[in-house]
Amino acid sequence: MSVKILMADGDLASLELAKATTSLLQWCDLVTFADGREAADCLQTEKFDGLIVAVKVPHMDGFELIQRVKNSRLNSGIPIVMLTVEDDIEIMRRGFKAGVTFFTVMPPNRDRFYRLINAVRGAMENERRRHLRLPYHTSVTCNLGDQGGRRFVSESVDISEGGISVRPSGGVEVGQILDLEFLLPQLEGPANPVAKRSKNSLFGGRQAPLTGPQKVRAKVRYKSPSGETIGMDFLDMTPAQREVIKRYIAGDN
């Protein structure tokens, strides 16, 4: 599956250079915009694995577009590459504060752009993998421990390495932290050795099998327009728990 990247830049020559370079890469699906408003609209409706953005984009500068990304339900956590025409320390400081992951001077030729896109490939592939979701249905107990101990039970809709969606929402809002308790997808074969390695063992001892309900803390990332479904990002999932979900997503049961 291709890594899907959105690029926004008012320089049409740069967009053409990027498209010509990535057209040769089977792993990369590049979508380009010369209008910041159009790019922002697309980021609200489509899931991307990364953003490449110039400081200056017509109708919406790069920093405003980054803010839209950070407030996006679908793309708030994607890696961001910002392009400039010169090494401007103040712009770089401002960019990192805004959430830029990588910062680079705009590549003047295809070879340099090729090196750039390959340098950020790993981070963007991780984003794609983290958000691959499969339907998964199990009972999920949700506890709002810091809010009077309120508790409700939902049914999961789907699951990914990075999070889970459930319904009903229990009336919680975006940004709230919940303690979840639910059964992970059951595995029939032996788990990956990494999943069996104890975090506290210097010599990599084995953990007990992940049987019974698992406890995971999560943060509400979005709420559906109907208010019935919420999507949450896992905050403190153990390597063993994450490995079980990775195997489920990959079909390694």
Protein backbone atom coordinates (compact mmCIF):
# COMPACT_ATOMS: atom_id res chain seq x y z
CA MET A 1 0.00 0.00 0.00
CA SER A 2 1.38 3.42 -1.00
CA VAL A 3 2.33 6.18 1.40
CA LYS A 4 -0.05 9.06 0.68
CA ILE A 5 1.52 12.53 0.90
CA LEU A 6 -0.03 15.96 0.38
CA MET A 7 2.23 18.76 -0.88
CA ALA A 8 1.20 22.43 -0.85
CA ASP A 9 3.38 25.04 -2.52
CA GLY A 10 2.68 28.18 -4.52
CA ASP A 11 5.69 27.50 -6.75
CA LEU A 12 4.34 25.50 -9.69
CA ALA A 13 7.85 24.52 -10.78
CA SER A 14 8.44 22.92 -7.38
CA LEU A 15 5.19 20.98 -7.62
CA GLU A 16 6.12 19.74 -11.09
CA LEU A 17 9.55 18.70 -9.84
CA ALA A 18 7.98 16.79 -6.97
CA LYS A 19 5.46 15.03 -9.21
CA ALA A 20 8.14 14.06 -11.72
CA THR A 21 10.36 12.65 -8.95
CA THR A 22 7.69 10.68 -7.09
CA SER A 23 6.13 9.29 -10.27
CA LEU A 24 9.04 6.85 -10.35
CA LEU A 25 8.46 5.68 -6.75
CA GLN A 26 5.96 2.84 -6.41
CA TRP A 27 5.63 3.37 -2.67
CA CYS A 28 4.64 7.05 -2.92
CA ASP A 29 1.27 8.62 -3.83
CA LEU A 30 1.76 12.40 -4.01
CA VAL A 31 -1.20 14.81 -4.15
CA THR A 32 -0.25 18.43 -4.92
CA PHE A 33 -1.98 21.78 -4.40
CA ALA A 34 -0.96 25.32 -5.36
CA ASP A 35 -3.84 26.78 -3.30
CA GLY A 36 -3.72 26.61 0.50
CA ARG A 37 -7.50 26.64 0.87
CA GLU A 38 -7.91 23.64 -1.40
CA ALA A 39 -5.17 21.80 0.49
CA ALA A 40 -6.87 22.55 3.83
CA ASP A 41 -10.22 21.28 2.54
CA CYS A 42 -8.61 18.07 1.32
CA LEU A 43 -6.88 17.49 4.67
CA GLN A 44 -10.26 17.66 6.40
CA THR A 45 -11.81 14.91 4.27
CA GLU A 46 -8.96 12.55 3.30
CA LYS A 47 -6.40 10.66 5.39
CA PHE A 48 -2.76 11.34 4.51
CA ASP A 49 0.47 9.88 5.88
CA GLY A 50 2.50 13.07 5.59
CA LEU A 51 2.48 16.74 4.60
CA ILE A 52 5.09 18.70 2.65
CA VAL A 53 4.38 22.42 2.80
CA ALA A 54 6.13 25.62 1.77
CA VAL A 55 6.19 28.69 4.00
CA LYS A 56 4.35 30.65 1.33
CA VAL A 57 1.21 29.12 -0.18
CA PRO A 58 -1.42 31.27 -1.93
CA HIS A 59 -4.56 32.10 0.07
CA MET A 60 -3.24 30.40 3.23
CA ASP A 61 0.39 30.41 4.35
CA GLY A 62 2.19 27.29 5.47
CA PHE A 63 1.82 28.01 9.18
CA GLU A 64 -1.93 28.46 8.93
CA LEU A 65 -2.17 25.23 6.96
CA ILE A 66 -0.16 23.41 9.65
CA GLN A 67 -2.59 24.71 12.27
CA ARG A 68 -5.48 23.33 10.22
CA VAL A 69 -3.69 19.97 10.13
CA LYS A 70 -3.19 19.97 13.90
CA ASN A 71 -6.93 20.61 14.36
CA SER A 72 -7.87 17.95 11.81
CA ARG A 73 -9.75 14.84 12.90
CA LEU A 74 -7.95 12.69 10.34
CA ASN A 75 -4.44 14.13 10.07
CA SER A 76 -3.52 15.77 13.38
CA GLY A 77 -0.57 13.46 13.99
CA ILE A 78 1.02 13.18 10.56
CA PRO A 79 4.72 14.05 10.00
CA ILE A 80 5.20 17.52 8.49
CA VAL A 81 8.04 18.66 6.25
CA MET A 82 8.38 22.42 5.75
CA LEU A 83 10.27 23.83 2.77
CA THR A 84 11.97 27.22 2.59
CA VAL A 85 14.19 28.91 0.02
CA GLU A 86 16.87 29.73 2.59
CA ASP A 87 18.16 28.68 6.02
CA ASP A 88 16.10 31.03 8.18
CA ILE A 89 16.64 30.24 11.88
CA GLU A 90 13.61 32.22 13.05
CA ILE A 91 11.34 30.50 10.52
CA MET A 92 12.72 27.14 11.66
CA ARG A 93 12.06 27.95 15.32
CA ARG A 94 8.54 29.04 14.48
CA GLY A 95 8.05 25.90 12.40
CA PHE A 96 9.16 23.53 15.12
CA LYS A 97 6.86 25.25 17.62
CA ALA A 98 3.99 24.84 15.15
CA GLY A 99 4.63 21.10 14.89
CA VAL A 100 6.99 20.69 11.92
CA THR A 101 8.77 17.33 12.03
CA PHE A 102 11.44 18.01 9.40
CA PHE A 103 12.77 21.27 8.00
CA THR A 104 14.71 21.63 4.75
CA VAL A 105 15.75 24.19 2.18
CA MET A 106 13.68 23.78 -0.95
CA PRO A 107 15.47 21.24 -3.23
CA PRO A 108 16.53 22.86 -6.50
CA ASN A 109 16.73 19.61 -8.43
CA ARG A 110 15.23 16.13 -8.71
CA ASP A 111 18.11 14.35 -6.98
CA ARG A 112 17.84 16.43 -3.82
CA PHE A 113 14.08 16.07 -3.71
CA TYR A 114 14.51 12.31 -4.13
CA ARG A 115 16.84 12.23 -1.11
CA LEU A 116 14.37 14.31 0.90
CA ILE A 117 11.39 12.09 0.16
CA ASN A 118 13.36 8.96 1.04
CA ALA A 119 14.60 10.53 4.27
CA VAL A 120 11.03 11.04 5.51
CA ARG A 121 9.68 7.77 4.13
CA GLY A 122 10.10 5.83 7.38
CA ALA A 123 8.15 8.31 9.51
CA MET A 124 5.33 8.45 6.97
CA GLU A 125 5.14 4.67 6.63
CA ASN A 126 4.88 4.45 10.42
CA GLU A 127 1.96 6.90 10.31
CA ARG A 128 0.22 4.82 7.62
CA ARG A 129 0.71 1.58 9.55
CA ARG A 130 -0.39 3.14 12.85
CA HIS A 131 -3.73 4.14 11.34
CA LEU A 132 -4.55 0.97 9.41
CA ARG A 133 -7.88 -0.01 10.94
CA LEU A 134 -9.83 -3.25 10.84
CA PRO A 135 -13.31 -3.92 12.17
CA TYR A 136 -13.12 -5.33 15.68
CA HIS A 137 -16.05 -5.83 18.03
CA THR A 138 -15.71 -6.33 21.75
CA SER A 139 -17.02 -4.77 24.94
CA VAL A 140 -14.97 -1.78 26.14
CA THR A 141 -15.28 -0.45 29.68
CA CYS A 142 -14.44 3.26 29.78
CA ASN A 143 -13.47 4.97 33.04
CA LEU A 144 -13.08 8.71 33.56
CA GLY A 145 -11.06 8.30 36.72
CA ASP A 146 -10.29 12.00 37.19
CA GLN A 147 -13.92 13.07 36.77
CA GLY A 148 -15.79 11.59 39.69
CA GLY A 149 -15.17 8.00 38.65
CA ARG A 150 -17.79 8.07 35.88
CA ARG A 151 -17.88 4.78 33.99
CA PHE A 152 -19.73 3.43 30.96
CA VAL A 153 -19.56 0.43 28.65
CA SER A 154 -19.27 0.72 24.85
CA GLU A 155 -18.78 -1.61 21.89
CA SER A 156 -15.65 -1.25 19.78
CA VAL A 157 -16.14 -0.48 16.08
CA ASP A 158 -12.60 -0.88 14.76
CA ILE A 159 -9.02 -0.99 16.01
CA SER A 160 -5.57 0.06 14.83
CA GLU A 161 -2.08 -0.02 16.27
CA GLY A 162 -2.58 3.57 17.35
CA GLY A 163 -6.16 3.64 18.61
CA ILE A 164 -9.72 2.37 18.79
CA SER A 165 -13.22 3.61 17.91
CA VAL A 166 -16.23 2.85 20.11
CA ARG A 167 -19.94 3.52 20.36
CA PRO A 168 -21.82 4.88 22.22
CA SER A 169 -19.61 7.80 23.20
CA GLY A 170 -20.81 8.05 26.79
CA GLY A 171 -21.03 11.82 26.45
CA VAL A 172 -17.27 12.38 26.53
CA GLU A 173 -15.63 15.15 24.53
CA VAL A 174 -12.53 15.53 22.37
CA GLY A 175 -9.38 15.78 24.48
CA GLN A 176 -10.64 13.80 27.47
CA ILE A 177 -8.50 10.98 28.89
CA LEU A 178 -10.10 7.58 29.56
CA ASP A 179 -8.89 4.36 31.14
CA LEU A 180 -10.06 1.51 28.90
CA GLU A 181 -10.47 -2.16 29.67
CA PHE A 182 -11.13 -4.64 26.85
CA LEU A 183 -10.10 -7.95 25.31
CA LEU A 184 -7.48 -7.75 22.59
CA PRO A 185 -7.90 -9.82 19.42
CA GLN A 186 -7.07 -13.41 20.36
CA LEU A 187 -4.01 -15.02 18.77
CA GLU A 188 -3.81 -18.70 17.98
CA GLY A 189 -0.08 -18.99 17.31
CA PRO A 190 2.96 -17.92 19.34
CA ALA A 191 3.51 -14.20 19.55
CA ASN A 192 6.55 -12.45 18.17
CA PRO A 193 9.49 -12.76 20.60
CA VAL A 194 9.53 -8.97 20.94
CA ALA A 195 6.04 -9.13 22.39
CA LYS A 196 7.14 -11.67 25.00
CA ARG A 197 10.09 -9.63 26.19
CA SER A 198 9.62 -8.14 29.62
CA LYS A 199 10.16 -4.39 29.88
CA ASN A 200 11.78 -4.87 33.31
CA SER A 201 14.00 -7.81 32.50
CA LEU A 202 17.59 -7.08 31.54
CA PHE A 203 17.85 -10.49 29.88
CA GLY A 204 14.54 -10.35 28.02
CA GLY A 205 12.45 -12.73 30.11
CA ARG A 206 9.02 -13.84 28.94
CA GLN A 207 5.80 -12.13 29.91
CA ALA A 208 2.65 -13.99 30.79
CA PRO A 209 0.27 -14.49 27.84
CA LEU A 210 -2.08 -11.58 27.24
CA THR A 211 -5.24 -13.26 28.46
CA GLY A 212 -8.21 -11.48 29.96
CA PRO A 213 -9.16 -7.81 29.70
CA GLN A 214 -6.26 -5.43 29.05
CA LYS A 215 -5.98 -1.96 30.56
CA VAL A 216 -4.95 0.91 28.28
CA ARG A 217 -5.16 4.68 28.71
CA ALA A 218 -6.45 6.62 25.70
CA LYS A 219 -7.26 10.18 24.61
CA VAL A 220 -10.37 11.09 22.64
CA ARG A 221 -9.20 12.37 19.24
CA TYR A 222 -12.52 12.87 17.46
CA LYS A 223 -16.25 12.60 17.91
CA SER A 224 -18.58 11.75 15.04
CA PRO A 225 -21.07 14.39 13.86
CA SER A 226 -23.89 12.30 15.34
CA GLY A 227 -22.12 12.26 18.70
CA GLU A 228 -22.52 8.50 19.00
CA THR A 229 -19.02 7.34 18.05
CA ILE A 230 -15.65 8.45 19.42
CA GLY A 231 -12.15 7.69 18.15
CA MET A 232 -9.33 7.42 20.69
CA ASP A 233 -5.54 7.32 20.49
CA PHE A 234 -3.74 4.88 22.80
CA LEU A 235 -1.38 6.65 25.21
CA ASP A 236 0.44 3.93 27.15
CA MET A 237 0.05 0.63 25.29
CA THR A 238 2.79 -1.90 26.11
CA PRO A 239 4.96 -3.44 23.36
CA ALA A 240 3.26 -6.80 23.95
CA GLN A 241 -0.24 -5.31 23.57
CA ARG A 242 0.80 -3.40 20.46
CA GLU A 243 2.30 -6.56 18.94
CA VAL A 244 -1.02 -8.40 19.32
CA ILE A 245 -2.83 -5.65 17.40
CA LYS A 246 -0.10 -5.50 14.74
CA ARG A 247 -0.48 -9.25 14.16
CA TYR A 248 -4.26 -8.88 13.95
CA ILE A 249 -3.96 -6.08 11.37
CA ALA A 250 -1.42 -8.09 9.35
CA GLY A 251 -3.50 -11.29 9.49
CA ASP A 252 -0.84 -13.24 11.40
CA ASN A 253 -3.29 -14.95 13.77
